[in-house]
């Protein structure tokens, strides 16, 4: 993949502006190492991958996700590399991999990573999993269950990229939401406000209303 995907350049500029001098110097050097690495996925731990792991310590937890995305993009990480980093990484590293997917993987090859994250109960990981990559590539059945996963775990549905577009007129999603609401009501539990928000989005468009 060539060029800089929309957003990565701006993300790097914002991150560098927020970092102190030492962290900014570290990120610049790490990104240069990543860009010049020619070992691909053949070497167990290229230098830039070690930098990827230590980004939290070097840049602080607030900026670590963005720093890791910068490194992944600089390295032009392919799906096998992303998969290895995800499988070997801690939760914070996994979040960064998920956030980098739309910039690095043009097709659905990395969906197993999204599906793995959605099987967890880590709310920050679930939120990362329902980002732009899932919005574009997750099949309807799995996407609907991802929305329900957000409701189950308390992840705000604002985290679901493309929610309005994908939910619009989705009768099956509406049915699933209704069943979930009924289950909670029968159990004497409150229905999340976000459920009503998503349910309203599933209402099919009214052509007559749009014409008037």
N, C-alpha and C. Protein backbone atom coordinates (compact mmCIF):
# COMPACT_ATOMS: atom_id res chain seq x y z
N UNK A 1 0.87 -1.18 0.00
CA UNK A 1 0.00 0.00 0.00
C UNK A 1 0.90 1.23 0.00
N UNK A 2 0.65 2.16 -0.89
CA UNK A 2 1.52 3.32 -1.02
C UNK A 2 0.81 4.57 -0.56
N UNK A 3 1.61 5.63 -0.32
CA UNK A 3 1.02 6.88 0.08
C UNK A 3 0.64 6.88 1.55
N UNK A 4 0.10 8.01 2.01
CA UNK A 4 -0.32 8.15 3.39
C UNK A 4 -1.84 8.21 3.44
N UNK A 5 -2.50 7.21 4.05
CA UNK A 5 -3.95 7.22 4.11
C UNK A 5 -4.44 8.48 4.82
N UNK A 6 -5.61 8.98 4.44
CA UNK A 6 -6.15 10.17 5.09
C UNK A 6 -6.19 9.98 6.60
N UNK A 7 -5.65 10.93 7.30
CA UNK A 7 -5.72 10.88 8.76
C UNK A 7 -4.42 10.53 9.43
N UNK A 8 -3.57 9.70 8.82
CA UNK A 8 -2.35 9.27 9.49
C UNK A 8 -1.36 10.42 9.64
N UNK A 9 -1.19 11.21 8.58
CA UNK A 9 -0.29 12.34 8.66
C UNK A 9 -0.73 13.34 9.72
N UNK A 10 -2.03 13.63 9.73
CA UNK A 10 -2.56 14.57 10.72
C UNK A 10 -2.45 13.99 12.12
N UNK A 11 -2.69 12.69 12.25
CA UNK A 11 -2.58 12.04 13.56
C UNK A 11 -1.15 12.14 14.08
N UNK A 12 -0.18 11.93 13.21
CA UNK A 12 1.21 12.03 13.65
C UNK A 12 1.55 13.45 14.07
N UNK A 13 1.07 14.43 13.30
CA UNK A 13 1.37 15.82 13.63
C UNK A 13 0.76 16.20 14.99
N UNK A 14 -0.49 15.77 15.23
CA UNK A 14 -1.12 16.07 16.51
C UNK A 14 -0.38 15.40 17.65
N UNK A 15 0.03 14.16 17.43
CA UNK A 15 0.72 13.42 18.48
C UNK A 15 2.06 14.06 18.82
N UNK A 16 2.82 14.40 17.79
CA UNK A 16 4.13 15.01 18.02
C UNK A 16 3.98 16.36 18.72
N UNK A 17 2.94 17.12 18.38
CA UNK A 17 2.73 18.42 19.00
C UNK A 17 2.41 18.28 20.49
N UNK A 18 1.81 17.15 20.85
CA UNK A 18 1.41 16.94 22.25
C UNK A 18 2.51 16.33 23.09
N UNK A 19 3.54 15.78 22.46
CA UNK A 19 4.61 15.11 23.18
C UNK A 19 5.70 16.08 23.64
N UNK A 20 6.38 15.72 24.69
CA UNK A 20 7.56 16.46 25.10
C UNK A 20 8.71 16.18 24.15
N UNK A 21 9.80 16.92 24.29
CA UNK A 21 10.92 16.81 23.35
C UNK A 21 11.50 15.40 23.30
N UNK A 22 11.69 14.78 24.47
CA UNK A 22 12.30 13.45 24.50
C UNK A 22 11.41 12.42 23.81
N UNK A 23 10.11 12.47 24.10
CA UNK A 23 9.18 11.52 23.50
C UNK A 23 9.06 11.75 22.00
N UNK A 24 9.06 13.02 21.61
CA UNK A 24 8.96 13.34 20.18
C UNK A 24 10.18 12.84 19.42
N UNK A 25 11.34 13.00 20.01
CA UNK A 25 12.57 12.50 19.39
C UNK A 25 12.54 10.98 19.29
N UNK A 26 12.05 10.34 20.35
CA UNK A 26 11.96 8.88 20.34
C UNK A 26 11.02 8.40 19.23
N UNK A 27 9.86 9.05 19.11
CA UNK A 27 8.89 8.63 18.09
C UNK A 27 9.45 8.82 16.69
N UNK A 28 10.13 9.92 16.46
CA UNK A 28 10.70 10.18 15.14
C UNK A 28 11.73 9.11 14.78
N UNK A 29 12.60 8.76 15.75
CA UNK A 29 13.60 7.73 15.51
C UNK A 29 12.95 6.37 15.29
N UNK A 30 11.94 6.05 16.11
CA UNK A 30 11.27 4.76 15.99
C UNK A 30 10.55 4.64 14.65
N UNK A 31 9.92 5.73 14.20
CA UNK A 31 9.22 5.70 12.92
C UNK A 31 10.21 5.55 11.76
N UNK A 32 11.36 6.18 11.89
CA UNK A 32 12.40 6.05 10.87
C UNK A 32 12.89 4.60 10.80
N UNK A 33 13.09 3.98 11.96
CA UNK A 33 13.50 2.57 12.00
C UNK A 33 12.44 1.69 11.35
N UNK A 34 11.18 1.99 11.65
CA UNK A 34 10.09 1.18 11.09
C UNK A 34 10.03 1.32 9.57
N UNK A 35 10.23 2.54 9.09
CA UNK A 35 10.15 2.79 7.65
C UNK A 35 11.30 2.15 6.89
N UNK A 36 12.44 2.01 7.57
CA UNK A 36 13.63 1.47 6.89
C UNK A 36 13.79 -0.02 7.08
N UNK A 37 12.93 -0.62 7.90
CA UNK A 37 13.05 -2.05 8.16
C UNK A 37 12.73 -2.84 6.90
N UNK A 38 13.62 -3.77 6.55
CA UNK A 38 13.41 -4.57 5.34
C UNK A 38 13.35 -6.06 5.65
N UNK A 39 13.11 -6.38 6.93
CA UNK A 39 13.08 -7.79 7.30
C UNK A 39 11.69 -8.39 7.14
N UNK A 40 10.68 -7.50 6.96
CA UNK A 40 9.31 -7.99 6.83
C UNK A 40 8.91 -8.78 8.06
N UNK A 41 8.22 -9.89 7.85
CA UNK A 41 7.76 -10.72 8.96
C UNK A 41 8.67 -11.92 9.19
N UNK A 42 9.87 -11.90 8.55
CA UNK A 42 10.77 -13.05 8.67
C UNK A 42 11.53 -13.06 10.00
N UNK A 43 11.81 -11.87 10.53
CA UNK A 43 12.53 -11.77 11.78
C UNK A 43 11.54 -11.72 12.93
N UNK A 44 11.83 -12.48 13.99
CA UNK A 44 10.88 -12.58 15.10
C UNK A 44 10.57 -11.22 15.72
N UNK A 45 11.62 -10.42 15.97
CA UNK A 45 11.40 -9.13 16.62
C UNK A 45 12.27 -8.04 15.98
N UNK A 46 11.83 -7.50 14.85
CA UNK A 46 12.54 -6.36 14.29
C UNK A 46 12.58 -5.24 15.31
N UNK A 47 13.55 -4.36 15.19
CA UNK A 47 13.73 -3.29 16.18
C UNK A 47 12.47 -2.46 16.36
N UNK A 48 11.79 -2.14 15.25
CA UNK A 48 10.63 -1.27 15.38
C UNK A 48 9.52 -1.95 16.17
N UNK A 49 9.45 -3.28 16.13
CA UNK A 49 8.42 -3.97 16.91
C UNK A 49 8.70 -3.87 18.41
N UNK A 50 9.97 -3.81 18.78
CA UNK A 50 10.32 -3.58 20.18
C UNK A 50 9.88 -2.17 20.58
N UNK A 51 10.04 -1.22 19.68
CA UNK A 51 9.60 0.15 19.95
C UNK A 51 8.07 0.21 20.07
N UNK A 52 7.40 -0.56 19.25
CA UNK A 52 5.94 -0.63 19.31
C UNK A 52 5.49 -1.04 20.72
N UNK A 53 6.17 -2.02 21.28
CA UNK A 53 5.80 -2.51 22.61
C UNK A 53 6.07 -1.50 23.70
N UNK A 54 7.11 -0.67 23.54
CA UNK A 54 7.49 0.24 24.61
C UNK A 54 6.90 1.65 24.45
N UNK A 55 6.01 1.84 23.50
CA UNK A 55 5.46 3.17 23.23
C UNK A 55 4.75 3.77 24.44
N UNK A 56 4.10 2.94 25.25
CA UNK A 56 3.41 3.46 26.42
C UNK A 56 4.38 4.08 27.41
N UNK A 57 5.51 3.45 27.60
CA UNK A 57 6.51 3.96 28.53
C UNK A 57 7.19 5.21 27.98
N UNK A 58 7.38 5.25 26.68
CA UNK A 58 8.09 6.36 26.07
C UNK A 58 7.21 7.60 25.83
N UNK A 59 5.95 7.36 25.45
CA UNK A 59 5.07 8.47 25.07
C UNK A 59 3.96 8.73 26.08
N UNK A 60 3.83 7.84 27.06
CA UNK A 60 2.74 7.99 28.02
C UNK A 60 1.49 7.30 27.51
N UNK A 61 0.67 6.82 28.42
CA UNK A 61 -0.51 6.06 28.02
C UNK A 61 -1.49 6.89 27.19
N UNK A 62 -1.52 8.20 27.41
CA UNK A 62 -2.45 9.06 26.68
C UNK A 62 -2.16 9.09 25.19
N UNK A 63 -0.89 8.98 24.83
CA UNK A 63 -0.50 9.11 23.42
C UNK A 63 0.01 7.81 22.82
N UNK A 64 0.02 6.74 23.61
CA UNK A 64 0.62 5.48 23.14
C UNK A 64 -0.11 4.90 21.94
N UNK A 65 -1.44 4.93 21.96
CA UNK A 65 -2.19 4.35 20.83
C UNK A 65 -1.80 5.04 19.52
N UNK A 66 -1.79 6.37 19.54
CA UNK A 66 -1.45 7.11 18.32
C UNK A 66 -0.01 6.85 17.90
N UNK A 67 0.90 6.79 18.86
CA UNK A 67 2.30 6.52 18.53
C UNK A 67 2.42 5.15 17.87
N UNK A 68 1.71 4.18 18.37
CA UNK A 68 1.79 2.83 17.79
C UNK A 68 1.19 2.80 16.38
N UNK A 69 0.12 3.55 16.16
CA UNK A 69 -0.45 3.61 14.81
C UNK A 69 0.56 4.21 13.84
N UNK A 70 1.25 5.25 14.28
CA UNK A 70 2.29 5.88 13.45
C UNK A 70 3.36 4.86 13.08
N UNK A 71 3.79 4.05 14.05
CA UNK A 71 4.82 3.05 13.77
C UNK A 71 4.32 1.97 12.82
N UNK A 72 3.10 1.52 13.02
CA UNK A 72 2.55 0.49 12.14
C UNK A 72 2.47 0.99 10.71
N UNK A 73 2.04 2.23 10.55
CA UNK A 73 1.94 2.78 9.20
C UNK A 73 3.32 2.98 8.59
N UNK A 74 4.26 3.49 9.39
CA UNK A 74 5.62 3.70 8.87
C UNK A 74 6.23 2.39 8.40
N UNK A 75 5.93 1.30 9.12
CA UNK A 75 6.48 -0.01 8.78
C UNK A 75 5.71 -0.69 7.65
N UNK A 76 4.61 -0.09 7.24
CA UNK A 76 3.74 -0.71 6.22
C UNK A 76 3.39 -2.14 6.63
N UNK A 77 3.02 -2.29 7.88
CA UNK A 77 2.75 -3.62 8.44
C UNK A 77 1.67 -4.34 7.65
N UNK A 78 1.97 -5.59 7.27
CA UNK A 78 0.99 -6.39 6.53
C UNK A 78 0.13 -7.18 7.52
N UNK A 79 -0.83 -7.91 6.99
CA UNK A 79 -1.77 -8.62 7.86
C UNK A 79 -1.08 -9.65 8.76
N UNK A 80 -0.14 -10.45 8.26
CA UNK A 80 0.55 -11.38 9.17
C UNK A 80 1.28 -10.66 10.31
N UNK A 81 1.90 -9.53 10.01
CA UNK A 81 2.60 -8.78 11.05
C UNK A 81 1.61 -8.23 12.06
N UNK A 82 0.52 -7.66 11.58
CA UNK A 82 -0.51 -7.13 12.47
C UNK A 82 -1.09 -8.24 13.34
N UNK A 83 -1.28 -9.39 12.75
CA UNK A 83 -1.83 -10.51 13.50
C UNK A 83 -0.87 -10.95 14.59
N UNK A 84 0.41 -11.02 14.28
CA UNK A 84 1.39 -11.42 15.28
C UNK A 84 1.45 -10.41 16.43
N UNK A 85 1.47 -9.13 16.09
CA UNK A 85 1.53 -8.10 17.13
C UNK A 85 0.27 -8.12 18.00
N UNK A 86 -0.85 -8.38 17.36
CA UNK A 86 -2.11 -8.47 18.11
C UNK A 86 -2.09 -9.66 19.07
N UNK A 87 -1.70 -10.80 18.55
CA UNK A 87 -1.75 -12.02 19.36
C UNK A 87 -0.74 -11.99 20.50
N UNK A 88 0.40 -11.35 20.28
CA UNK A 88 1.44 -11.31 21.30
C UNK A 88 1.31 -10.11 22.23
N UNK A 89 0.49 -9.14 21.85
CA UNK A 89 0.45 -7.88 22.58
C UNK A 89 -0.51 -7.87 23.76
N UNK A 90 -0.28 -6.89 24.64
CA UNK A 90 -1.20 -6.62 25.72
C UNK A 90 -2.41 -5.87 25.14
N UNK A 91 -3.39 -5.61 25.98
CA UNK A 91 -4.63 -4.98 25.50
C UNK A 91 -4.37 -3.65 24.80
N UNK A 92 -3.49 -2.84 25.34
CA UNK A 92 -3.21 -1.54 24.73
C UNK A 92 -2.62 -1.70 23.33
N UNK A 93 -1.74 -2.68 23.15
CA UNK A 93 -1.15 -2.92 21.84
C UNK A 93 -2.19 -3.46 20.87
N UNK A 94 -3.10 -4.28 21.37
CA UNK A 94 -4.16 -4.81 20.52
C UNK A 94 -5.10 -3.69 20.04
N UNK A 95 -5.37 -2.74 20.92
CA UNK A 95 -6.21 -1.61 20.52
C UNK A 95 -5.57 -0.84 19.38
N UNK A 96 -4.27 -0.62 19.48
CA UNK A 96 -3.59 0.12 18.43
C UNK A 96 -3.63 -0.62 17.10
N UNK A 97 -3.46 -1.93 17.13
CA UNK A 97 -3.54 -2.72 15.90
C UNK A 97 -4.93 -2.57 15.28
N UNK A 98 -5.96 -2.68 16.08
CA UNK A 98 -7.33 -2.55 15.56
C UNK A 98 -7.56 -1.17 14.96
N UNK A 99 -7.05 -0.14 15.63
CA UNK A 99 -7.25 1.23 15.13
C UNK A 99 -6.49 1.47 13.84
N UNK A 100 -5.41 0.73 13.62
CA UNK A 100 -4.59 0.92 12.42
C UNK A 100 -5.14 0.17 11.21
N UNK A 101 -6.04 -0.76 11.41
CA UNK A 101 -6.50 -1.62 10.30
C UNK A 101 -7.01 -0.85 9.09
N UNK A 102 -7.86 0.19 9.25
CA UNK A 102 -8.35 0.86 8.05
C UNK A 102 -7.26 1.55 7.24
N UNK A 103 -6.13 1.83 7.86
CA UNK A 103 -5.02 2.49 7.16
C UNK A 103 -4.10 1.49 6.46
N UNK A 104 -4.19 0.21 6.85
CA UNK A 104 -3.20 -0.74 6.37
C UNK A 104 -3.76 -1.95 5.63
N UNK A 105 -5.00 -2.31 5.89
CA UNK A 105 -5.57 -3.52 5.28
C UNK A 105 -6.77 -3.12 4.43
N UNK A 106 -6.64 -3.19 3.11
CA UNK A 106 -7.72 -2.72 2.24
C UNK A 106 -8.92 -3.65 2.15
N UNK A 107 -8.74 -4.91 2.49
CA UNK A 107 -9.84 -5.87 2.38
C UNK A 107 -10.19 -6.47 3.73
N UNK A 108 -10.96 -7.56 3.73
CA UNK A 108 -11.43 -8.16 4.97
C UNK A 108 -10.48 -9.14 5.64
N UNK A 109 -9.23 -9.20 5.19
CA UNK A 109 -8.30 -10.23 5.69
C UNK A 109 -8.08 -10.17 7.20
N UNK A 110 -8.21 -8.98 7.79
CA UNK A 110 -7.92 -8.83 9.23
C UNK A 110 -9.16 -8.96 10.10
N UNK A 111 -10.27 -9.38 9.52
CA UNK A 111 -11.50 -9.52 10.32
C UNK A 111 -11.35 -10.48 11.50
N UNK A 112 -10.53 -11.55 11.41
CA UNK A 112 -10.37 -12.40 12.60
C UNK A 112 -9.92 -11.63 13.84
N UNK A 113 -9.15 -10.56 13.65
CA UNK A 113 -8.72 -9.77 14.80
C UNK A 113 -9.90 -9.02 15.41
N UNK A 114 -10.74 -8.47 14.56
CA UNK A 114 -11.95 -7.77 15.03
C UNK A 114 -12.85 -8.74 15.77
N UNK A 115 -13.04 -9.92 15.19
CA UNK A 115 -13.93 -10.91 15.81
C UNK A 115 -13.38 -11.39 17.15
N UNK A 116 -12.05 -11.52 17.25
CA UNK A 116 -11.45 -11.92 18.52
C UNK A 116 -11.70 -10.85 19.58
N UNK A 117 -11.51 -9.60 19.22
CA UNK A 117 -11.72 -8.51 20.18
C UNK A 117 -13.17 -8.46 20.65
N UNK A 118 -14.09 -8.77 19.77
CA UNK A 118 -15.51 -8.73 20.12
C UNK A 118 -15.91 -9.88 21.04
N UNK A 119 -15.05 -10.88 21.14
CA UNK A 119 -15.34 -11.98 22.07
C UNK A 119 -14.88 -11.67 23.49
N UNK A 120 -14.16 -10.57 23.66
CA UNK A 120 -13.67 -10.22 24.99
C UNK A 120 -14.71 -9.37 25.72
N UNK A 121 -14.44 -9.13 27.00
CA UNK A 121 -15.28 -8.22 27.78
C UNK A 121 -14.50 -6.96 28.16
N UNK A 122 -13.40 -6.73 27.47
CA UNK A 122 -12.61 -5.52 27.66
C UNK A 122 -13.30 -4.40 26.86
N UNK A 123 -13.91 -3.46 27.56
CA UNK A 123 -14.72 -2.46 26.87
C UNK A 123 -13.91 -1.58 25.92
N UNK A 124 -12.66 -1.28 26.26
CA UNK A 124 -11.85 -0.46 25.36
C UNK A 124 -11.46 -1.24 24.11
N UNK A 125 -11.29 -2.53 24.25
CA UNK A 125 -10.98 -3.37 23.10
C UNK A 125 -12.21 -3.52 22.20
N UNK A 126 -13.36 -3.70 22.82
CA UNK A 126 -14.60 -3.79 22.05
C UNK A 126 -14.84 -2.49 21.28
N UNK A 127 -14.62 -1.36 21.95
CA UNK A 127 -14.80 -0.06 21.30
C UNK A 127 -13.87 0.10 20.10
N UNK A 128 -12.64 -0.37 20.23
CA UNK A 128 -11.70 -0.30 19.12
C UNK A 128 -12.12 -1.22 17.97
N UNK A 129 -12.73 -2.33 18.32
CA UNK A 129 -13.12 -3.32 17.31
C UNK A 129 -14.25 -2.85 16.42
N UNK A 130 -15.09 -1.93 16.91
CA UNK A 130 -16.24 -1.50 16.12
C UNK A 130 -15.96 -0.18 15.39
N UNK A 131 -14.70 0.05 15.09
CA UNK A 131 -14.30 1.25 14.37
C UNK A 131 -14.53 1.16 12.87
N UNK A 132 -13.89 2.03 12.10
CA UNK A 132 -14.12 2.10 10.65
C UNK A 132 -13.87 0.81 9.89
N UNK A 133 -12.89 0.01 10.33
CA UNK A 133 -12.62 -1.23 9.61
C UNK A 133 -13.81 -2.18 9.70
N UNK A 134 -14.38 -2.30 10.88
CA UNK A 134 -15.57 -3.15 11.06
C UNK A 134 -16.75 -2.59 10.28
N UNK A 135 -16.89 -1.28 10.27
CA UNK A 135 -18.00 -0.66 9.55
C UNK A 135 -17.97 -1.01 8.07
N UNK A 136 -16.76 -1.12 7.53
CA UNK A 136 -16.63 -1.39 6.09
C UNK A 136 -16.66 -2.87 5.76
N UNK A 137 -16.14 -3.71 6.64
CA UNK A 137 -15.92 -5.10 6.25
C UNK A 137 -16.71 -6.15 7.05
N UNK A 138 -17.19 -5.82 8.23
CA UNK A 138 -17.86 -6.84 9.03
C UNK A 138 -19.20 -7.21 8.39
N UNK A 139 -19.45 -8.51 8.14
CA UNK A 139 -20.71 -8.92 7.52
C UNK A 139 -21.91 -8.53 8.39
N UNK A 140 -23.09 -8.37 7.79
CA UNK A 140 -24.27 -7.89 8.54
C UNK A 140 -24.55 -8.66 9.82
N UNK A 141 -24.52 -10.00 9.75
CA UNK A 141 -24.85 -10.79 10.94
C UNK A 141 -23.88 -10.49 12.08
N UNK A 142 -22.59 -10.48 11.77
CA UNK A 142 -21.58 -10.22 12.79
C UNK A 142 -21.63 -8.77 13.26
N UNK A 143 -21.95 -7.86 12.34
CA UNK A 143 -22.03 -6.45 12.72
C UNK A 143 -23.18 -6.22 13.71
N UNK A 144 -24.31 -6.85 13.45
CA UNK A 144 -25.45 -6.70 14.38
C UNK A 144 -25.07 -7.19 15.77
N UNK A 145 -24.38 -8.32 15.82
CA UNK A 145 -23.98 -8.85 17.13
C UNK A 145 -22.93 -7.95 17.78
N UNK A 146 -22.14 -7.26 16.99
CA UNK A 146 -21.18 -6.30 17.54
C UNK A 146 -21.90 -5.14 18.21
N UNK A 147 -22.98 -4.69 17.59
CA UNK A 147 -23.79 -3.61 18.20
C UNK A 147 -24.37 -4.09 19.52
N UNK A 148 -24.91 -5.31 19.52
CA UNK A 148 -25.46 -5.86 20.77
C UNK A 148 -24.37 -6.03 21.81
N UNK A 149 -23.17 -6.40 21.38
CA UNK A 149 -22.06 -6.55 22.32
C UNK A 149 -21.79 -5.23 23.03
N UNK A 150 -21.87 -4.13 22.29
CA UNK A 150 -21.69 -2.82 22.90
C UNK A 150 -22.76 -2.58 23.97
N UNK A 151 -23.99 -2.94 23.67
CA UNK A 151 -25.07 -2.76 24.64
C UNK A 151 -24.86 -3.66 25.86
N UNK A 152 -24.43 -4.89 25.63
CA UNK A 152 -24.19 -5.83 26.74
C UNK A 152 -23.12 -5.30 27.70
N UNK A 153 -22.06 -4.76 27.12
CA UNK A 153 -20.88 -4.41 27.92
C UNK A 153 -20.85 -2.95 28.35
N UNK A 154 -21.82 -2.17 27.88
CA UNK A 154 -21.85 -0.76 28.26
C UNK A 154 -20.97 0.14 27.44
N UNK A 155 -20.48 -0.33 26.29
CA UNK A 155 -19.71 0.52 25.39
C UNK A 155 -20.68 1.47 24.69
N UNK A 156 -20.48 2.78 24.77
CA UNK A 156 -21.39 3.72 24.10
C UNK A 156 -21.48 3.43 22.60
N UNK A 157 -22.67 3.46 22.06
CA UNK A 157 -22.82 3.15 20.63
C UNK A 157 -22.21 4.23 19.75
N UNK A 158 -21.83 5.36 20.33
CA UNK A 158 -21.10 6.36 19.56
C UNK A 158 -19.78 5.80 19.05
N UNK A 159 -19.29 4.73 19.68
CA UNK A 159 -18.04 4.12 19.25
C UNK A 159 -18.21 3.33 17.95
N UNK A 160 -19.44 2.99 17.59
CA UNK A 160 -19.70 2.17 16.40
C UNK A 160 -19.62 3.04 15.16
N UNK A 161 -18.58 2.89 14.39
CA UNK A 161 -18.42 3.68 13.17
C UNK A 161 -19.50 3.30 12.15
N UNK A 162 -20.02 4.30 11.48
CA UNK A 162 -21.02 4.06 10.45
C UNK A 162 -22.34 3.53 10.97
N UNK A 163 -22.62 3.76 12.24
CA UNK A 163 -23.83 3.18 12.84
C UNK A 163 -25.10 3.58 12.12
N UNK A 164 -25.29 4.87 11.89
CA UNK A 164 -26.54 5.33 11.28
C UNK A 164 -26.75 4.74 9.90
N UNK A 165 -25.67 4.71 9.11
CA UNK A 165 -25.79 4.20 7.74
C UNK A 165 -26.10 2.71 7.72
N UNK A 166 -25.45 1.94 8.57
CA UNK A 166 -25.64 0.49 8.53
C UNK A 166 -26.92 0.06 9.23
N UNK A 167 -27.36 0.82 10.22
CA UNK A 167 -28.58 0.44 10.95
C UNK A 167 -29.85 0.84 10.22
N UNK A 168 -29.75 1.79 9.33
CA UNK A 168 -30.94 2.33 8.68
C UNK A 168 -31.72 1.26 7.94
N UNK A 169 -32.98 1.10 8.34
CA UNK A 169 -33.86 0.14 7.68
C UNK A 169 -33.53 -1.30 7.95
N UNK A 170 -32.70 -1.60 8.95
CA UNK A 170 -32.28 -2.98 9.24
C UNK A 170 -33.32 -3.64 10.14
N UNK A 171 -34.26 -4.34 9.53
CA UNK A 171 -35.35 -4.96 10.28
C UNK A 171 -34.85 -6.06 11.20
N UNK A 172 -33.82 -6.79 10.79
CA UNK A 172 -33.29 -7.86 11.63
C UNK A 172 -32.63 -7.29 12.88
N UNK A 173 -31.91 -6.21 12.73
CA UNK A 173 -31.32 -5.56 13.90
C UNK A 173 -32.42 -5.06 14.82
N UNK A 174 -33.47 -4.51 14.25
CA UNK A 174 -34.60 -4.04 15.07
C UNK A 174 -35.20 -5.19 15.86
N UNK A 175 -35.34 -6.35 15.23
CA UNK A 175 -35.90 -7.51 15.93
C UNK A 175 -34.99 -7.93 17.08
N UNK A 176 -33.69 -7.97 16.82
CA UNK A 176 -32.75 -8.38 17.86
C UNK A 176 -32.75 -7.40 19.03
N UNK A 177 -32.84 -6.13 18.72
CA UNK A 177 -32.89 -5.12 19.78
C UNK A 177 -34.17 -5.25 20.60
N UNK A 178 -35.27 -5.52 19.89
CA UNK A 178 -36.54 -5.71 20.59
C UNK A 178 -36.50 -6.91 21.52
N UNK A 179 -35.92 -8.00 21.05
CA UNK A 179 -35.80 -9.20 21.89
C UNK A 179 -34.95 -8.91 23.12
N UNK A 180 -33.87 -8.19 22.92
CA UNK A 180 -32.99 -7.87 24.05
C UNK A 180 -33.70 -6.97 25.06
N UNK A 181 -34.43 -5.99 24.55
CA UNK A 181 -35.18 -5.10 25.44
C UNK A 181 -36.22 -5.87 26.23
N UNK A 182 -36.91 -6.80 25.57
CA UNK A 182 -37.93 -7.60 26.26
C UNK A 182 -37.31 -8.48 27.34
N UNK A 183 -36.14 -9.05 27.04
CA UNK A 183 -35.46 -9.90 28.02
C UNK A 183 -35.09 -9.10 29.27
N UNK A 184 -34.58 -7.90 29.06
CA UNK A 184 -34.19 -7.07 30.21
C UNK A 184 -35.42 -6.62 31.01
N UNK A 185 -36.48 -6.27 30.30
CA UNK A 185 -37.70 -5.85 30.99
C UNK A 185 -38.27 -6.99 31.81
N UNK A 186 -38.30 -8.20 31.23
CA UNK A 186 -38.83 -9.36 31.94
C UNK A 186 -38.00 -9.69 33.17
N UNK A 187 -36.71 -9.37 33.12
CA UNK A 187 -35.83 -9.65 34.25
C UNK A 187 -35.81 -8.50 35.26
N UNK A 188 -36.64 -7.48 35.00
CA UNK A 188 -36.69 -6.34 35.90
C UNK A 188 -35.47 -5.43 35.80
N UNK A 189 -34.82 -5.45 34.66
CA UNK A 189 -33.62 -4.63 34.47
C UNK A 189 -33.90 -3.50 33.49
N UNK A 190 -33.22 -2.39 33.68
CA UNK A 190 -33.44 -1.22 32.82
C UNK A 190 -32.93 -1.49 31.40
N UNK A 191 -33.61 -0.91 30.45
CA UNK A 191 -33.18 -0.99 29.05
C UNK A 191 -32.24 0.18 28.78
N UNK A 192 -31.04 -0.08 28.26
CA UNK A 192 -30.09 1.03 28.02
C UNK A 192 -30.67 2.09 27.08
N UNK A 193 -30.39 3.34 27.38
CA UNK A 193 -30.85 4.41 26.50
C UNK A 193 -30.31 4.25 25.09
N UNK A 194 -29.08 3.74 24.99
CA UNK A 194 -28.48 3.56 23.66
C UNK A 194 -29.28 2.59 22.80
N UNK A 195 -29.96 1.63 23.44
CA UNK A 195 -30.76 0.69 22.67
C UNK A 195 -31.87 1.44 21.93
N UNK A 196 -32.52 2.36 22.61
CA UNK A 196 -33.58 3.13 21.97
C UNK A 196 -33.02 3.99 20.83
N UNK A 197 -31.82 4.50 21.03
CA UNK A 197 -31.18 5.30 19.97
C UNK A 197 -30.97 4.47 18.71
N UNK A 198 -30.43 3.27 18.90
CA UNK A 198 -30.16 2.41 17.74
C UNK A 198 -31.47 1.94 17.12
N UNK A 199 -32.43 1.61 17.95
CA UNK A 199 -33.72 1.15 17.44
C UNK A 199 -34.37 2.21 16.56
N UNK A 200 -34.25 3.47 16.96
CA UNK A 200 -34.81 4.56 16.15
C UNK A 200 -34.12 4.65 14.80
N UNK A 201 -32.83 4.32 14.76
CA UNK A 201 -32.10 4.37 13.50
C UNK A 201 -32.55 3.29 12.52
N UNK A 202 -33.10 2.20 13.05
CA UNK A 202 -33.50 1.09 12.18
C UNK A 202 -34.82 1.36 11.47
N UNK A 203 -35.53 2.41 11.85
CA UNK A 203 -36.81 2.71 11.22
C UNK A 203 -36.62 2.94 9.73
N UNK A 204 -37.33 2.19 8.90
CA UNK A 204 -37.15 2.36 7.44
C UNK A 204 -37.50 3.78 7.02
N UNK A 205 -36.79 4.31 6.03
CA UNK A 205 -37.09 5.66 5.56
C UNK A 205 -38.49 5.73 4.98
N UNK A 206 -39.14 6.87 5.16
CA UNK A 206 -40.49 7.08 4.65
C UNK A 206 -40.40 7.91 3.38
N UNK A 207 -40.54 7.29 2.21
CA UNK A 207 -40.40 8.03 0.95
C UNK A 207 -41.35 9.20 0.86
N UNK A 208 -42.59 9.03 1.35
CA UNK A 208 -43.57 10.11 1.26
C UNK A 208 -43.12 11.30 2.10
N UNK A 209 -42.55 11.01 3.28
CA UNK A 209 -42.10 12.10 4.16
C UNK A 209 -40.94 12.84 3.52
N UNK A 210 -40.05 12.06 2.82
CA UNK A 210 -38.90 12.70 2.20
C UNK A 210 -39.31 13.57 1.02
N UNK A 211 -40.41 13.22 0.34
CA UNK A 211 -40.85 13.97 -0.81
C UNK A 211 -41.59 15.24 -0.40
N UNK A 212 -42.20 15.23 0.78
CA UNK A 212 -43.00 16.38 1.20
C UNK A 212 -42.13 17.53 1.66
